[in-house]
């Protein structure tokens, strides 16, 4: 059977839009393949502590705040609405150093359901609040994103979810400016 040009075609490797995470490590010693005593995890040789323990990696903008936690609940489900109110109060009592916005019983901004927002300012706060919220979020779902100055990317490409992922009003995100402040649109007082 004769081969065709298409059968011999080898596509050129497309350059990744993501920069290499190994830049600066080109001449580093290979990592060992030795296992730790548990027989499962790999041994990592001691090295310098990551700067991410003390400061957010670029392009996160800590001048605004590092991360937003948008905590969702369904206001028409009484048990969930009650839990969300209790979670809100508990967060305000246990994490008073965080910025905690108003509790809404209706959609706000690009968020499709009732929501409140908690902001963290340091990696330490972010890690502590994240781990606490994993345990205590109950029936609530949480959208977590860093602040880099691009609302659309923050809420989509860079977003992480605890629980269910909700669809956002992406057109509203695209229309907002860098100077976005959390002011819900068309939300009546609860």
N, C-alpha and C. Protein backbone atom coordinates (compact mmCIF):
# COMPACT_ATOMS: atom_id res chain seq x y z
N UNK A 1 0.84 -1.17 0.00
CA UNK A 1 0.00 0.00 0.00
C UNK A 1 0.89 1.24 0.00
N UNK A 2 0.59 2.16 -0.85
CA UNK A 2 1.39 3.38 -0.97
C UNK A 2 1.08 4.33 0.16
N UNK A 3 2.11 5.01 0.64
CA UNK A 3 1.90 5.99 1.70
C UNK A 3 1.64 7.34 1.08
N UNK A 4 0.88 8.14 1.79
CA UNK A 4 0.57 9.49 1.29
C UNK A 4 1.32 10.51 2.11
N UNK A 5 1.33 11.73 1.61
CA UNK A 5 2.00 12.81 2.33
C UNK A 5 1.38 13.01 3.71
N UNK A 6 0.05 12.84 3.81
CA UNK A 6 -0.63 13.02 5.09
C UNK A 6 -0.17 11.99 6.11
N UNK A 7 0.16 10.79 5.67
CA UNK A 7 0.59 9.77 6.61
C UNK A 7 1.98 10.07 7.17
N UNK A 8 2.76 10.84 6.47
CA UNK A 8 4.10 11.19 6.93
C UNK A 8 4.15 12.53 7.66
N UNK A 9 3.04 13.22 7.69
CA UNK A 9 3.00 14.53 8.31
C UNK A 9 3.20 14.42 9.82
N UNK A 10 4.15 15.14 10.34
CA UNK A 10 4.37 15.22 11.77
C UNK A 10 4.16 16.67 12.17
N UNK A 11 3.13 16.94 12.96
CA UNK A 11 2.88 18.34 13.32
C UNK A 11 4.02 18.90 14.17
N UNK A 12 4.31 20.17 13.95
CA UNK A 12 5.34 20.82 14.77
C UNK A 12 4.77 21.05 16.16
N UNK A 13 5.61 20.89 17.12
CA UNK A 13 5.17 21.09 18.50
C UNK A 13 4.75 22.55 18.68
N UNK A 14 3.56 22.74 19.20
CA UNK A 14 3.07 24.08 19.45
C UNK A 14 3.69 24.59 20.75
N UNK A 15 4.18 25.81 20.71
CA UNK A 15 4.77 26.40 21.90
C UNK A 15 3.66 26.65 22.92
N UNK A 16 3.90 26.25 24.14
CA UNK A 16 2.91 26.39 25.20
C UNK A 16 2.71 27.86 25.52
N UNK A 17 1.46 28.21 25.82
CA UNK A 17 1.18 29.57 26.26
C UNK A 17 1.59 29.77 27.71
N UNK A 18 1.91 28.67 28.40
CA UNK A 18 2.33 28.73 29.79
C UNK A 18 3.84 28.75 29.86
N UNK A 19 4.43 29.67 30.60
CA UNK A 19 5.89 29.69 30.74
C UNK A 19 6.35 28.45 31.52
N UNK A 20 7.55 28.05 31.26
CA UNK A 20 8.11 26.89 31.96
C UNK A 20 8.26 27.19 33.45
N UNK A 21 7.80 26.28 34.27
CA UNK A 21 7.96 26.43 35.71
C UNK A 21 9.36 26.01 36.17
N UNK A 22 10.14 25.48 35.27
CA UNK A 22 11.49 25.02 35.63
C UNK A 22 12.58 26.02 35.24
N UNK A 23 12.17 27.21 34.80
CA UNK A 23 13.15 28.24 34.48
C UNK A 23 13.96 28.55 35.72
N UNK A 24 15.28 28.54 35.59
CA UNK A 24 16.17 28.76 36.73
C UNK A 24 16.68 27.45 37.33
N UNK A 25 16.10 26.34 36.91
CA UNK A 25 16.50 25.03 37.42
C UNK A 25 17.19 24.19 36.34
N UNK A 26 17.54 24.81 35.22
CA UNK A 26 18.09 24.07 34.09
C UNK A 26 19.34 23.28 34.46
N UNK A 27 20.19 23.83 35.32
CA UNK A 27 21.44 23.17 35.68
C UNK A 27 21.37 22.47 37.04
N UNK A 28 20.19 22.32 37.58
CA UNK A 28 20.05 21.69 38.90
C UNK A 28 20.30 20.20 38.80
N UNK A 29 20.75 19.63 39.90
CA UNK A 29 20.95 18.18 39.97
C UNK A 29 19.60 17.48 39.76
N UNK A 30 19.60 16.32 39.13
CA UNK A 30 18.33 15.58 39.01
C UNK A 30 17.79 15.24 40.40
N UNK A 31 16.49 15.25 40.51
CA UNK A 31 15.88 14.89 41.79
C UNK A 31 16.02 13.39 42.02
N UNK A 32 16.21 12.98 43.26
CA UNK A 32 16.35 11.55 43.53
C UNK A 32 15.03 10.81 43.32
N UNK A 33 15.12 9.55 43.05
CA UNK A 33 13.93 8.70 42.89
C UNK A 33 13.76 7.79 44.11
N UNK A 34 14.45 8.11 45.18
CA UNK A 34 14.40 7.34 46.42
C UNK A 34 13.09 7.61 47.17
N UNK A 35 12.53 6.54 47.72
CA UNK A 35 11.30 6.69 48.51
C UNK A 35 11.64 6.95 49.97
N UNK A 36 10.73 7.67 50.64
CA UNK A 36 10.83 7.87 52.09
C UNK A 36 10.45 6.56 52.79
N UNK A 37 10.58 6.55 54.09
CA UNK A 37 10.31 5.34 54.88
C UNK A 37 8.89 4.82 54.71
N UNK A 38 7.94 5.69 54.34
CA UNK A 38 6.56 5.23 54.15
C UNK A 38 6.40 4.37 52.90
N UNK A 39 7.44 4.35 52.04
CA UNK A 39 7.41 3.54 50.83
C UNK A 39 6.54 4.11 49.72
N UNK A 40 5.96 5.28 49.92
CA UNK A 40 5.06 5.88 48.93
C UNK A 40 5.52 7.24 48.44
N UNK A 41 5.97 8.08 49.37
CA UNK A 41 6.36 9.44 48.98
C UNK A 41 7.84 9.48 48.62
N UNK A 42 8.17 10.40 47.74
CA UNK A 42 9.55 10.55 47.28
C UNK A 42 10.34 11.47 48.21
N UNK A 43 11.60 11.15 48.37
CA UNK A 43 12.52 11.97 49.15
C UNK A 43 12.84 13.22 48.36
N UNK A 44 12.70 14.38 49.00
CA UNK A 44 13.11 15.65 48.41
C UNK A 44 14.27 16.19 49.23
N UNK A 45 15.38 16.46 48.58
CA UNK A 45 16.53 16.97 49.33
C UNK A 45 16.21 18.36 49.90
N UNK A 46 16.81 18.69 51.05
CA UNK A 46 16.58 20.02 51.62
C UNK A 46 17.00 21.11 50.64
N UNK A 47 16.28 22.18 50.67
CA UNK A 47 16.59 23.31 49.80
C UNK A 47 16.03 24.58 50.41
N UNK A 48 16.15 25.66 49.70
CA UNK A 48 15.62 26.92 50.25
C UNK A 48 14.09 26.86 50.34
N UNK A 49 13.56 27.53 51.35
CA UNK A 49 12.11 27.59 51.54
C UNK A 49 11.50 28.49 50.47
N UNK A 50 10.37 28.06 49.93
CA UNK A 50 9.69 28.84 48.89
C UNK A 50 9.28 30.21 49.41
N UNK A 51 9.48 31.23 48.59
CA UNK A 51 9.05 32.58 48.95
C UNK A 51 7.53 32.66 49.06
N UNK A 52 6.81 31.70 48.46
CA UNK A 52 5.34 31.71 48.49
C UNK A 52 4.78 31.54 49.90
N UNK A 53 5.62 31.10 50.86
CA UNK A 53 5.16 31.03 52.25
C UNK A 53 4.96 32.43 52.83
N UNK A 54 5.70 33.39 52.32
CA UNK A 54 5.68 34.73 52.90
C UNK A 54 5.01 35.78 52.01
N UNK A 55 5.03 35.57 50.70
CA UNK A 55 4.42 36.55 49.79
C UNK A 55 3.77 35.81 48.63
N UNK A 56 2.71 36.43 48.09
CA UNK A 56 2.02 35.81 46.98
C UNK A 56 2.89 35.83 45.73
N UNK A 57 2.83 34.78 44.92
CA UNK A 57 3.58 34.79 43.67
C UNK A 57 2.98 35.80 42.69
N UNK A 58 3.81 36.32 41.82
CA UNK A 58 3.35 37.20 40.76
C UNK A 58 2.45 36.39 39.84
N UNK A 59 1.40 36.90 39.28
CA UNK A 59 0.97 38.30 39.25
C UNK A 59 -0.09 38.65 40.29
N UNK A 60 -0.21 37.89 41.37
CA UNK A 60 -1.20 38.23 42.40
C UNK A 60 -0.85 39.59 42.97
N UNK A 61 -1.87 40.44 43.08
CA UNK A 61 -1.69 41.81 43.52
C UNK A 61 -2.12 41.95 44.99
N UNK A 62 -1.18 41.91 45.92
CA UNK A 62 -1.56 41.99 47.34
C UNK A 62 -1.97 43.39 47.78
N UNK A 63 -1.80 44.40 46.93
CA UNK A 63 -2.19 45.75 47.34
C UNK A 63 -3.71 45.87 47.44
N UNK A 64 -4.43 45.06 46.69
CA UNK A 64 -5.89 45.04 46.79
C UNK A 64 -6.28 44.03 47.87
N UNK A 65 -5.94 42.83 47.68
CA UNK A 65 -5.98 41.70 48.60
C UNK A 65 -5.57 40.50 47.77
N UNK A 66 -5.06 39.48 48.41
CA UNK A 66 -4.54 38.34 47.66
C UNK A 66 -5.60 37.48 47.04
N UNK A 67 -6.56 37.02 47.85
CA UNK A 67 -7.58 36.08 47.39
C UNK A 67 -8.96 36.50 47.85
N UNK A 68 -9.94 36.20 47.00
CA UNK A 68 -11.35 36.34 47.34
C UNK A 68 -11.94 34.95 47.51
N UNK A 69 -12.76 34.79 48.53
CA UNK A 69 -13.55 33.57 48.75
C UNK A 69 -15.01 33.99 48.64
N UNK A 70 -15.70 33.57 47.59
CA UNK A 70 -17.11 33.87 47.40
C UNK A 70 -17.89 32.64 47.87
N UNK A 71 -18.64 32.79 48.94
CA UNK A 71 -19.32 31.66 49.57
C UNK A 71 -20.79 31.70 49.18
N UNK A 72 -21.22 30.65 48.45
CA UNK A 72 -22.56 30.57 47.88
C UNK A 72 -23.47 29.70 48.73
N UNK A 73 -24.74 30.07 48.73
CA UNK A 73 -25.77 29.20 49.30
C UNK A 73 -27.07 29.40 48.52
N UNK A 74 -27.98 28.46 48.66
CA UNK A 74 -29.28 28.55 48.01
C UNK A 74 -30.28 29.09 49.04
N UNK A 75 -30.73 30.33 48.86
CA UNK A 75 -31.58 30.96 49.87
C UNK A 75 -32.95 30.30 50.01
N UNK A 76 -33.39 29.57 48.99
CA UNK A 76 -34.70 28.92 49.05
C UNK A 76 -34.67 27.56 49.72
N UNK A 77 -33.50 27.13 50.18
CA UNK A 77 -33.38 25.88 50.93
C UNK A 77 -33.13 26.30 52.39
N UNK A 78 -34.18 26.24 53.22
CA UNK A 78 -34.07 26.80 54.58
C UNK A 78 -32.87 26.32 55.39
N UNK A 79 -32.58 25.04 55.37
CA UNK A 79 -31.46 24.53 56.17
C UNK A 79 -30.14 25.08 55.65
N UNK A 80 -30.01 25.19 54.35
CA UNK A 80 -28.78 25.73 53.78
C UNK A 80 -28.65 27.22 54.06
N UNK A 81 -29.74 27.95 53.94
CA UNK A 81 -29.71 29.38 54.23
C UNK A 81 -29.34 29.63 55.69
N UNK A 82 -29.87 28.83 56.60
CA UNK A 82 -29.54 28.97 58.02
C UNK A 82 -28.06 28.65 58.27
N UNK A 83 -27.59 27.57 57.63
CA UNK A 83 -26.18 27.21 57.80
C UNK A 83 -25.28 28.33 57.30
N UNK A 84 -25.62 28.91 56.15
CA UNK A 84 -24.81 29.99 55.58
C UNK A 84 -24.76 31.19 56.53
N UNK A 85 -25.88 31.53 57.15
CA UNK A 85 -25.90 32.64 58.11
C UNK A 85 -25.01 32.35 59.32
N UNK A 86 -25.06 31.11 59.79
CA UNK A 86 -24.21 30.72 60.92
C UNK A 86 -22.74 30.71 60.53
N UNK A 87 -22.45 30.24 59.31
CA UNK A 87 -21.07 30.23 58.82
C UNK A 87 -20.54 31.66 58.73
N UNK A 88 -21.36 32.55 58.21
CA UNK A 88 -21.00 33.96 58.10
C UNK A 88 -20.65 34.54 59.47
N UNK A 89 -21.51 34.30 60.45
CA UNK A 89 -21.24 34.83 61.80
C UNK A 89 -19.98 34.21 62.39
N UNK A 90 -19.82 32.92 62.21
CA UNK A 90 -18.63 32.24 62.76
C UNK A 90 -17.36 32.79 62.14
N UNK A 91 -17.37 33.01 60.83
CA UNK A 91 -16.19 33.57 60.16
C UNK A 91 -15.89 34.96 60.72
N UNK A 92 -16.92 35.78 60.90
CA UNK A 92 -16.70 37.12 61.44
C UNK A 92 -16.12 37.06 62.85
N UNK A 93 -16.51 36.08 63.62
CA UNK A 93 -16.00 35.96 65.00
C UNK A 93 -14.60 35.36 65.05
N UNK A 94 -14.35 34.35 64.20
CA UNK A 94 -13.09 33.63 64.27
C UNK A 94 -11.97 34.27 63.43
N UNK A 95 -12.34 35.02 62.40
CA UNK A 95 -11.34 35.63 61.51
C UNK A 95 -11.61 37.14 61.37
N UNK A 96 -11.59 37.91 62.47
CA UNK A 96 -11.93 39.33 62.37
C UNK A 96 -10.92 40.15 61.57
N UNK A 97 -9.72 39.61 61.36
CA UNK A 97 -8.69 40.34 60.61
C UNK A 97 -8.92 40.27 59.10
N UNK A 98 -9.82 39.40 58.65
CA UNK A 98 -10.11 39.31 57.23
C UNK A 98 -11.18 40.33 56.85
N UNK A 99 -11.22 40.69 55.57
CA UNK A 99 -12.27 41.61 55.10
C UNK A 99 -13.48 40.76 54.74
N UNK A 100 -14.60 41.03 55.41
CA UNK A 100 -15.81 40.23 55.24
C UNK A 100 -16.92 41.18 54.79
N UNK A 101 -17.47 40.90 53.62
CA UNK A 101 -18.49 41.76 53.04
C UNK A 101 -19.88 41.36 53.53
N UNK A 102 -20.84 42.15 53.14
CA UNK A 102 -22.24 41.95 53.51
C UNK A 102 -22.76 40.59 53.04
N UNK A 103 -23.68 40.04 53.78
CA UNK A 103 -24.36 38.79 53.46
C UNK A 103 -25.55 39.11 52.55
N UNK A 104 -25.59 38.49 51.37
CA UNK A 104 -26.68 38.70 50.42
C UNK A 104 -27.52 37.44 50.29
N UNK A 105 -28.84 37.62 50.30
CA UNK A 105 -29.77 36.50 50.10
C UNK A 105 -30.23 36.38 48.66
N UNK A 106 -29.59 37.14 47.77
CA UNK A 106 -29.91 37.11 46.34
C UNK A 106 -28.61 37.16 45.57
N UNK A 107 -28.66 36.85 44.26
CA UNK A 107 -27.45 36.96 43.45
C UNK A 107 -26.87 38.37 43.51
N UNK A 108 -25.57 38.45 43.41
CA UNK A 108 -24.87 39.74 43.44
C UNK A 108 -23.73 39.70 42.42
N UNK A 109 -23.58 40.79 41.68
CA UNK A 109 -22.51 40.85 40.69
C UNK A 109 -22.63 39.70 39.70
N UNK A 110 -21.53 39.02 39.39
CA UNK A 110 -21.58 37.92 38.43
C UNK A 110 -22.02 36.59 39.04
N UNK A 111 -22.33 36.61 40.34
CA UNK A 111 -22.63 35.38 41.07
C UNK A 111 -24.11 35.03 40.94
N UNK A 112 -24.43 33.76 40.60
CA UNK A 112 -25.80 33.39 40.24
C UNK A 112 -26.72 33.06 41.42
N UNK A 113 -26.21 33.12 42.62
CA UNK A 113 -27.03 32.79 43.79
C UNK A 113 -26.59 33.65 44.96
N UNK A 114 -27.24 33.46 46.09
CA UNK A 114 -26.90 34.22 47.29
C UNK A 114 -25.42 34.00 47.64
N UNK A 115 -24.78 35.05 48.14
CA UNK A 115 -23.33 35.00 48.30
C UNK A 115 -22.87 35.96 49.38
N UNK A 116 -21.74 35.64 50.00
CA UNK A 116 -20.98 36.63 50.74
C UNK A 116 -19.51 36.39 50.42
N UNK A 117 -18.71 37.43 50.61
CA UNK A 117 -17.30 37.38 50.22
C UNK A 117 -16.40 37.60 51.43
N UNK A 118 -15.30 36.85 51.44
CA UNK A 118 -14.26 37.00 52.45
C UNK A 118 -12.94 37.17 51.70
N UNK A 119 -12.15 38.18 52.06
CA UNK A 119 -10.88 38.45 51.41
C UNK A 119 -9.72 38.17 52.36
N UNK A 120 -8.65 37.59 51.81
CA UNK A 120 -7.42 37.36 52.57
C UNK A 120 -6.31 38.23 51.99
N UNK A 121 -5.33 38.54 52.83
CA UNK A 121 -4.29 39.49 52.45
C UNK A 121 -2.88 38.92 52.46
N UNK A 122 -2.69 37.76 53.06
CA UNK A 122 -1.36 37.16 53.13
C UNK A 122 -1.47 35.67 52.80
N UNK A 123 -0.37 35.05 52.38
CA UNK A 123 -0.41 33.60 52.17
C UNK A 123 -0.80 32.84 53.44
N UNK A 124 -0.35 33.32 54.60
CA UNK A 124 -0.68 32.66 55.86
C UNK A 124 -2.19 32.69 56.11
N UNK A 125 -2.80 33.86 55.94
CA UNK A 125 -4.26 33.97 56.10
C UNK A 125 -4.99 33.08 55.10
N UNK A 126 -4.52 33.07 53.86
CA UNK A 126 -5.18 32.30 52.81
C UNK A 126 -5.15 30.82 53.14
N UNK A 127 -3.99 30.31 53.54
CA UNK A 127 -3.88 28.90 53.89
C UNK A 127 -4.70 28.53 55.11
N UNK A 128 -4.67 29.38 56.13
CA UNK A 128 -5.42 29.09 57.35
C UNK A 128 -6.92 29.11 57.07
N UNK A 129 -7.38 30.12 56.34
CA UNK A 129 -8.82 30.22 56.06
C UNK A 129 -9.27 29.10 55.12
N UNK A 130 -8.46 28.79 54.12
CA UNK A 130 -8.80 27.71 53.19
C UNK A 130 -8.99 26.40 53.94
N UNK A 131 -8.02 26.05 54.79
CA UNK A 131 -8.12 24.76 55.49
C UNK A 131 -9.29 24.75 56.46
N UNK A 132 -9.56 25.86 57.12
CA UNK A 132 -10.70 25.95 58.02
C UNK A 132 -12.02 25.80 57.24
N UNK A 133 -12.10 26.47 56.08
CA UNK A 133 -13.33 26.45 55.28
C UNK A 133 -13.59 25.08 54.66
N UNK A 134 -12.56 24.34 54.31
CA UNK A 134 -12.75 22.98 53.79
C UNK A 134 -13.55 22.16 54.80
N UNK A 135 -13.26 22.31 56.06
CA UNK A 135 -13.91 21.54 57.12
C UNK A 135 -15.29 22.10 57.47
N UNK A 136 -15.44 23.43 57.43
CA UNK A 136 -16.65 24.06 57.97
C UNK A 136 -17.63 24.60 56.93
N UNK A 137 -17.39 24.46 55.64
CA UNK A 137 -18.28 25.07 54.65
C UNK A 137 -19.64 24.42 54.59
N UNK A 138 -19.77 23.18 55.08
CA UNK A 138 -21.07 22.50 55.09
C UNK A 138 -21.66 22.40 53.69
N UNK A 139 -22.95 22.79 53.52
CA UNK A 139 -23.59 22.67 52.22
C UNK A 139 -23.26 23.82 51.26
N UNK A 140 -22.46 24.77 51.71
CA UNK A 140 -22.14 25.93 50.87
C UNK A 140 -21.05 25.58 49.86
N UNK A 141 -21.12 26.21 48.70
CA UNK A 141 -20.09 26.08 47.67
C UNK A 141 -19.25 27.35 47.69
N UNK A 142 -17.98 27.23 47.31
CA UNK A 142 -17.07 28.37 47.44
C UNK A 142 -16.24 28.54 46.17
N UNK A 143 -16.29 29.74 45.61
CA UNK A 143 -15.43 30.14 44.50
C UNK A 143 -14.25 30.87 45.12
N UNK A 144 -13.04 30.42 44.82
CA UNK A 144 -11.82 31.02 45.35
C UNK A 144 -10.99 31.49 44.17
N UNK A 145 -10.52 32.73 44.24
CA UNK A 145 -9.66 33.20 43.15
C UNK A 145 -8.65 34.23 43.65
N UNK A 146 -7.49 34.27 42.98
CA UNK A 146 -6.50 35.31 43.29
C UNK A 146 -6.90 36.61 42.60
N UNK A 147 -6.33 37.70 43.04
CA UNK A 147 -6.55 39.00 42.40
C UNK A 147 -5.30 39.39 41.62
N UNK A 148 -5.46 39.48 40.31
CA UNK A 148 -4.33 39.83 39.44
C UNK A 148 -4.62 41.08 38.61
N UNK A 149 -5.81 41.66 38.77
CA UNK A 149 -6.16 42.84 37.99
C UNK A 149 -6.91 42.53 36.72
N UNK A 150 -7.41 41.31 36.56
CA UNK A 150 -8.20 40.92 35.40
C UNK A 150 -9.36 40.07 35.91
N UNK A 151 -10.51 40.72 36.10
CA UNK A 151 -11.66 40.04 36.71
C UNK A 151 -12.06 38.78 35.97
N UNK A 152 -12.06 38.84 34.66
CA UNK A 152 -12.48 37.67 33.89
C UNK A 152 -11.57 36.48 34.16
N UNK A 153 -10.27 36.67 34.03
CA UNK A 153 -9.32 35.58 34.28
C UNK A 153 -9.39 35.10 35.73
N UNK A 154 -9.53 36.03 36.67
CA UNK A 154 -9.60 35.67 38.09
C UNK A 154 -10.75 34.71 38.36
N UNK A 155 -11.93 35.03 37.82
CA UNK A 155 -13.14 34.26 38.11
C UNK A 155 -13.33 33.03 37.22
N UNK A 156 -12.50 32.89 36.19
CA UNK A 156 -12.66 31.75 35.28
C UNK A 156 -11.40 30.89 35.26
N UNK A 157 -10.41 31.33 34.53
CA UNK A 157 -9.18 30.55 34.34
C UNK A 157 -8.44 30.25 35.64
N UNK A 158 -8.41 31.19 36.57
CA UNK A 158 -7.64 31.02 37.81
C UNK A 158 -8.51 30.60 39.00
N UNK A 159 -9.78 30.38 38.77
CA UNK A 159 -10.71 30.05 39.86
C UNK A 159 -10.54 28.60 40.32
N UNK A 160 -10.76 28.41 41.60
CA UNK A 160 -10.80 27.09 42.22
C UNK A 160 -12.12 27.00 42.98
N UNK A 161 -12.70 25.82 43.00
CA UNK A 161 -13.99 25.64 43.65
C UNK A 161 -13.90 24.62 44.78
N UNK A 162 -14.63 24.90 45.86
CA UNK A 162 -14.94 23.91 46.89
C UNK A 162 -16.41 23.59 46.67
N UNK A 163 -16.71 22.33 46.51
CA UNK A 163 -18.10 21.96 46.26
C UNK A 163 -18.42 22.10 44.78
N UNK A 164 -19.67 22.41 44.51
CA UNK A 164 -20.13 22.53 43.13
C UNK A 164 -19.62 23.78 42.45
N UNK A 165 -19.38 23.68 41.16
CA UNK A 165 -19.02 24.84 40.35
C UNK A 165 -20.31 25.44 39.80
N UNK A 166 -20.48 26.73 40.01
CA UNK A 166 -21.67 27.44 39.54
C UNK A 166 -21.32 28.23 38.28
N UNK A 167 -22.27 28.39 37.35
CA UNK A 167 -22.02 29.22 36.17
C UNK A 167 -22.05 30.70 36.57
N UNK A 168 -21.11 31.46 36.08
CA UNK A 168 -21.04 32.89 36.38
C UNK A 168 -21.54 33.70 35.19
N UNK A 169 -21.92 34.93 35.44
CA UNK A 169 -22.28 35.86 34.38
C UNK A 169 -20.98 36.42 33.81
N UNK A 170 -20.41 35.67 32.85
CA UNK A 170 -19.10 36.04 32.31
C UNK A 170 -19.14 37.36 31.55
N UNK A 171 -20.26 37.70 30.94
CA UNK A 171 -20.35 38.99 30.25
C UNK A 171 -20.17 40.15 31.23
N UNK A 172 -20.74 40.01 32.40
CA UNK A 172 -20.59 41.05 33.42
C UNK A 172 -19.12 41.18 33.83
N UNK A 173 -18.42 40.05 33.93
CA UNK A 173 -17.00 40.09 34.29
C UNK A 173 -16.17 40.77 33.21
N UNK A 174 -16.49 40.49 31.95
CA UNK A 174 -15.75 41.07 30.84
C UNK A 174 -15.95 42.58 30.76
N UNK A 175 -17.13 43.03 31.19
CA UNK A 175 -17.46 44.45 31.09
C UNK A 175 -16.89 45.30 32.23
N UNK A 176 -16.51 44.68 33.32
CA UNK A 176 -16.03 45.43 34.47
C UNK A 176 -14.58 45.85 34.28
N UNK A 177 -14.19 46.89 34.94
CA UNK A 177 -12.82 47.40 34.80
C UNK A 177 -11.92 46.86 35.89
N UNK A 178 -10.65 47.18 35.75
CA UNK A 178 -9.65 46.80 36.74
C UNK A 178 -9.99 47.36 38.12
N UNK A 179 -10.62 48.48 38.17
CA UNK A 179 -10.95 49.15 39.43
C UNK A 179 -12.25 48.63 40.03
N UNK A 180 -12.59 47.40 39.75
CA UNK A 180 -13.81 46.78 40.25
C UNK A 180 -13.85 46.83 41.76
N UNK A 181 -14.98 47.24 42.27
CA UNK A 181 -15.21 47.14 43.71
C UNK A 181 -16.48 46.33 43.89
N UNK A 182 -16.56 45.60 44.95
CA UNK A 182 -17.67 44.68 45.15
C UNK A 182 -18.93 45.46 45.51
N UNK A 183 -19.65 45.88 44.49
CA UNK A 183 -20.93 46.54 44.68
C UNK A 183 -21.94 45.77 43.88
N UNK A 184 -22.79 44.99 44.51
CA UNK A 184 -23.77 44.20 43.78
C UNK A 184 -24.69 45.08 42.93
N UNK A 185 -25.07 44.56 41.81
CA UNK A 185 -25.96 45.27 40.90
C UNK A 185 -27.34 44.66 41.05
N UNK A 186 -28.35 45.50 41.17
CA UNK A 186 -29.75 45.06 41.24
C UNK A 186 -30.01 44.11 42.39
N UNK A 187 -29.46 44.38 43.53
CA UNK A 187 -29.68 43.55 44.69
C UNK A 187 -30.41 44.37 45.73
N UNK A 188 -31.55 43.85 46.18
CA UNK A 188 -32.28 44.56 47.22
C UNK A 188 -31.82 44.09 48.58
N UNK A 189 -32.00 44.90 49.58
CA UNK A 189 -31.61 44.55 50.94
C UNK A 189 -32.37 43.32 51.38
N UNK A 190 -31.73 42.45 52.15
CA UNK A 190 -32.39 41.24 52.66
C UNK A 190 -32.84 41.47 54.07
